[in-house]
Protein backbone atom coordinates (compact mmCIF):
# COMPACT_ATOMS: atom_id res chain seq x y z
CA MET A 1 33.39 14.36 -31.29
CA VAL A 2 31.32 16.84 -29.31
CA ALA A 3 33.03 18.59 -26.42
CA ILE A 4 30.87 19.09 -23.32
CA SER A 5 32.00 21.28 -20.46
CA LYS A 6 32.52 19.79 -16.98
CA LYS A 7 29.66 21.83 -15.55
CA LEU A 8 27.23 20.71 -18.28
CA SER A 9 28.17 17.04 -17.93
CA LEU A 10 27.70 17.27 -14.15
CA LEU A 11 24.26 18.83 -14.65
CA ILE A 12 23.31 16.10 -17.14
CA PHE A 13 24.36 13.34 -14.72
CA PHE A 14 22.56 15.03 -11.81
CA GLY A 15 19.41 15.59 -13.86
CA ALA A 16 19.32 11.98 -15.06
CA GLY A 17 20.03 10.65 -11.57
CA PHE A 18 17.32 12.73 -9.93
CA ILE A 19 14.83 11.72 -12.63
CA PHE A 20 15.54 8.02 -11.92
CA ILE A 21 15.15 8.60 -8.18
CA GLY A 22 11.97 10.65 -8.65
CA ILE A 23 10.32 8.04 -10.87
CA GLY A 24 11.22 5.30 -8.36
CA ILE A 25 9.74 7.23 -5.42
CA LEU A 26 6.57 8.17 -7.31
CA SER A 27 6.16 4.55 -8.39
CA ILE A 28 6.43 3.36 -4.77
CA ILE A 29 3.74 5.84 -3.73
CA ASP A 30 1.49 4.83 -6.64
CA SER A 31 1.91 1.10 -5.91
CA ASN A 32 0.26 1.52 -2.51
CA ILE A 33 -2.94 2.93 -4.03
CA PRO A 34 -5.44 0.15 -4.85
CA ARG A 35 -6.59 0.05 -8.49
CA PHE A 36 -9.60 -1.82 -9.83
CA VAL A 37 -8.43 -4.81 -11.89
CA GLU A 38 -10.67 -7.01 -14.04
CA ILE A 39 -9.71 -10.53 -15.10
CA PRO A 40 -11.90 -12.56 -17.49
CA VAL A 41 -11.29 -16.33 -17.40
CA MET A 42 -12.76 -19.28 -19.30
CA MET A 43 -12.54 -22.26 -16.93
CA LYS A 44 -12.62 -25.84 -18.16
CA PRO A 45 -14.54 -28.47 -16.16
CA LYS A 46 -12.95 -29.33 -12.77
CA GLN A 47 -10.45 -26.47 -13.14
CA LEU A 48 -9.43 -24.31 -10.15
CA GLU A 49 -8.55 -20.60 -10.35
CA VAL A 50 -6.98 -18.69 -7.45
CA PHE A 51 -7.10 -14.90 -7.16
CA THR A 52 -5.10 -13.04 -4.49
CA PRO A 53 -5.97 -9.33 -4.48
CA ASP A 54 -4.12 -7.13 -1.97
CA MET A 55 -7.00 -4.95 -0.73
CA ASN A 56 -7.49 -2.19 1.82
CA ALA A 57 -10.37 -2.31 4.29
CA GLY A 58 -13.58 -1.35 2.50
CA ASN A 59 -12.40 -2.40 -0.97
CA ILE A 60 -14.56 -4.86 -2.89
CA ALA A 61 -14.02 -7.91 -5.08
CA ASN A 62 -16.72 -8.99 -7.55
CA ILE A 63 -16.96 -12.56 -8.81
CA TYR A 64 -19.40 -13.32 -11.62
CA GLY A 65 -19.56 -16.63 -13.44
CA ASN A 66 -22.09 -18.35 -15.65
CA GLY A 67 -22.37 -21.45 -17.80
CA SER A 68 -21.55 -24.15 -15.27
CA ASP A 69 -21.83 -25.15 -11.61
CA ALA A 70 -19.16 -23.54 -9.46
CA SER A 71 -17.87 -23.30 -5.91
CA LEU A 72 -16.30 -20.28 -4.25
CA LEU A 73 -14.00 -20.24 -1.24
CA ALA A 74 -12.65 -16.96 0.15
CA THR A 75 -10.29 -16.33 3.06
CA ASP A 76 -9.03 -13.11 4.59
CA PRO A 77 -5.35 -12.23 5.24
CA ASN A 78 -5.53 -14.14 8.57
CA ASN A 79 -6.69 -17.31 6.71
CA LYS A 80 -10.14 -16.96 8.28
CA LEU A 81 -12.92 -18.31 6.06
CA ILE A 82 -15.20 -15.47 4.97
CA MET A 83 -17.18 -17.14 2.18
CA ASN A 84 -17.86 -20.74 1.16
CA ILE A 85 -20.47 -21.18 -1.56
CA THR A 86 -21.28 -24.19 -3.70
CA ASN A 87 -23.49 -23.23 -6.61
CA LYS A 88 -25.18 -26.40 -7.90
CA ASN A 89 -27.85 -26.46 -10.64
CA ASP A 90 -28.02 -22.65 -10.77
CA LYS A 91 -25.16 -22.15 -13.27
CA ILE A 92 -24.81 -18.48 -12.19
CA LEU A 93 -22.31 -17.28 -9.61
CA ASN A 94 -22.59 -13.63 -8.57
CA GLU A 95 -20.88 -12.65 -5.31
CA THR A 96 -19.28 -9.56 -3.82
CA ILE A 97 -16.63 -9.66 -1.10
CA THR A 98 -15.91 -6.56 0.98
CA ALA A 99 -12.52 -6.40 2.69
CA LEU A 100 -12.83 -5.90 6.44
CA ILE A 101 -9.07 -5.65 7.06
CA ASP A 102 -6.06 -4.66 4.95
CA GLY A 103 -4.08 -7.45 3.30
CA GLU A 104 -4.01 -10.17 0.68
CA TYR A 105 -7.25 -12.08 0.29
CA ARG A 106 -7.39 -15.54 -1.29
CA ILE A 107 -10.35 -16.32 -3.54
CA GLU A 108 -10.63 -19.80 -5.07
CA VAL A 109 -13.20 -20.59 -7.74
CA THR A 110 -13.67 -24.19 -8.91
CA ASN A 111 -15.68 -25.23 -11.95
CA GLU A 112 -17.73 -28.11 -10.52
CA GLY A 113 -19.75 -28.72 -13.69
CA ASN A 114 -19.13 -30.52 -16.97
CA THR A 115 -19.21 -27.42 -19.18
CA THR A 116 -17.03 -24.34 -19.53
CA LEU A 117 -17.48 -21.62 -16.89
CA SER A 118 -17.18 -18.00 -18.02
CA LEU A 119 -15.74 -16.16 -15.02
CA ASN A 120 -15.27 -12.42 -14.61
CA PHE A 121 -13.29 -11.36 -11.58
CA GLY A 122 -12.84 -7.73 -10.55
CA ALA A 123 -11.16 -6.39 -7.42
CA PHE A 124 -9.25 -3.46 -6.01
CA SER A 125 -5.64 -4.52 -5.63
CA LYS A 126 -2.25 -2.97 -4.93
CA ALA A 127 1.08 -3.89 -6.54
CA ASN A 128 2.89 -6.94 -5.15
CA SER A 129 6.34 -7.10 -3.58
CA LEU A 130 8.00 -7.93 -6.92
CA ALA A 131 7.17 -4.41 -8.14
CA PHE A 132 9.06 -3.00 -5.15
CA ALA A 133 12.29 -4.60 -6.42
CA GLY A 134 11.96 -2.75 -9.73
CA GLN A 135 11.30 0.53 -7.96
CA MET A 136 14.37 0.08 -5.76
CA MET A 137 16.45 -0.62 -8.88
CA LEU A 138 15.32 2.75 -10.29
CA ILE A 139 16.38 4.54 -7.10
CA ILE A 140 19.74 2.73 -6.95
CA THR A 141 20.37 3.49 -10.63
CA GLY A 142 19.73 7.17 -9.91
CA ILE A 143 22.23 7.12 -7.06
CA VAL A 144 24.83 5.41 -9.27
CA VAL A 145 24.32 7.96 -12.07
CA ILE A 146 24.77 10.85 -9.62
CA GLY A 147 27.93 9.13 -8.34
CA LEU A 148 29.23 8.85 -11.90
CA GLY A 149 28.63 12.58 -12.29
CA PHE A 150 30.76 13.33 -9.23
CA ARG A 151 33.45 10.92 -10.44
CA ALA A 152 33.54 12.49 -13.91
CA ARG A 153 33.93 15.95 -12.39
CA ILE A 154 36.71 14.86 -10.01
CA GLN A 155 38.67 13.06 -12.74
CA SER A 156 38.61 15.96 -15.17
């Protein structure tokens, strides 16, 4: 068994705790920076795909599809219709949406044809609220580890 001094064990607990807290805080900051995300999808006939990027004002979303007839419906965070396109007999869908306000946009693409639609979706998006729960768990774990360090020092 290895003997560790009280001071060293306290420093280890503090170091580990502050690392957990630091990673949690940096992750929260990073989650609020939009990143460009690309999603390729092969859509079967009559299939609907919904994309919900969380964009800042000025960010863009690109929708490109080919191989079948398609329709595109896009709404802003206030559920205001910003784009409604039905692409019949062209078999190519190529649209760009620019965010006018911050928030979660809803983009629905439906394969209206009888063949497979190859869809490529790309948009700037931030992390969702589920990621925030993980970041808070990191911060809480750091606080608990620091508390264990204090407890270990007091008990010894």
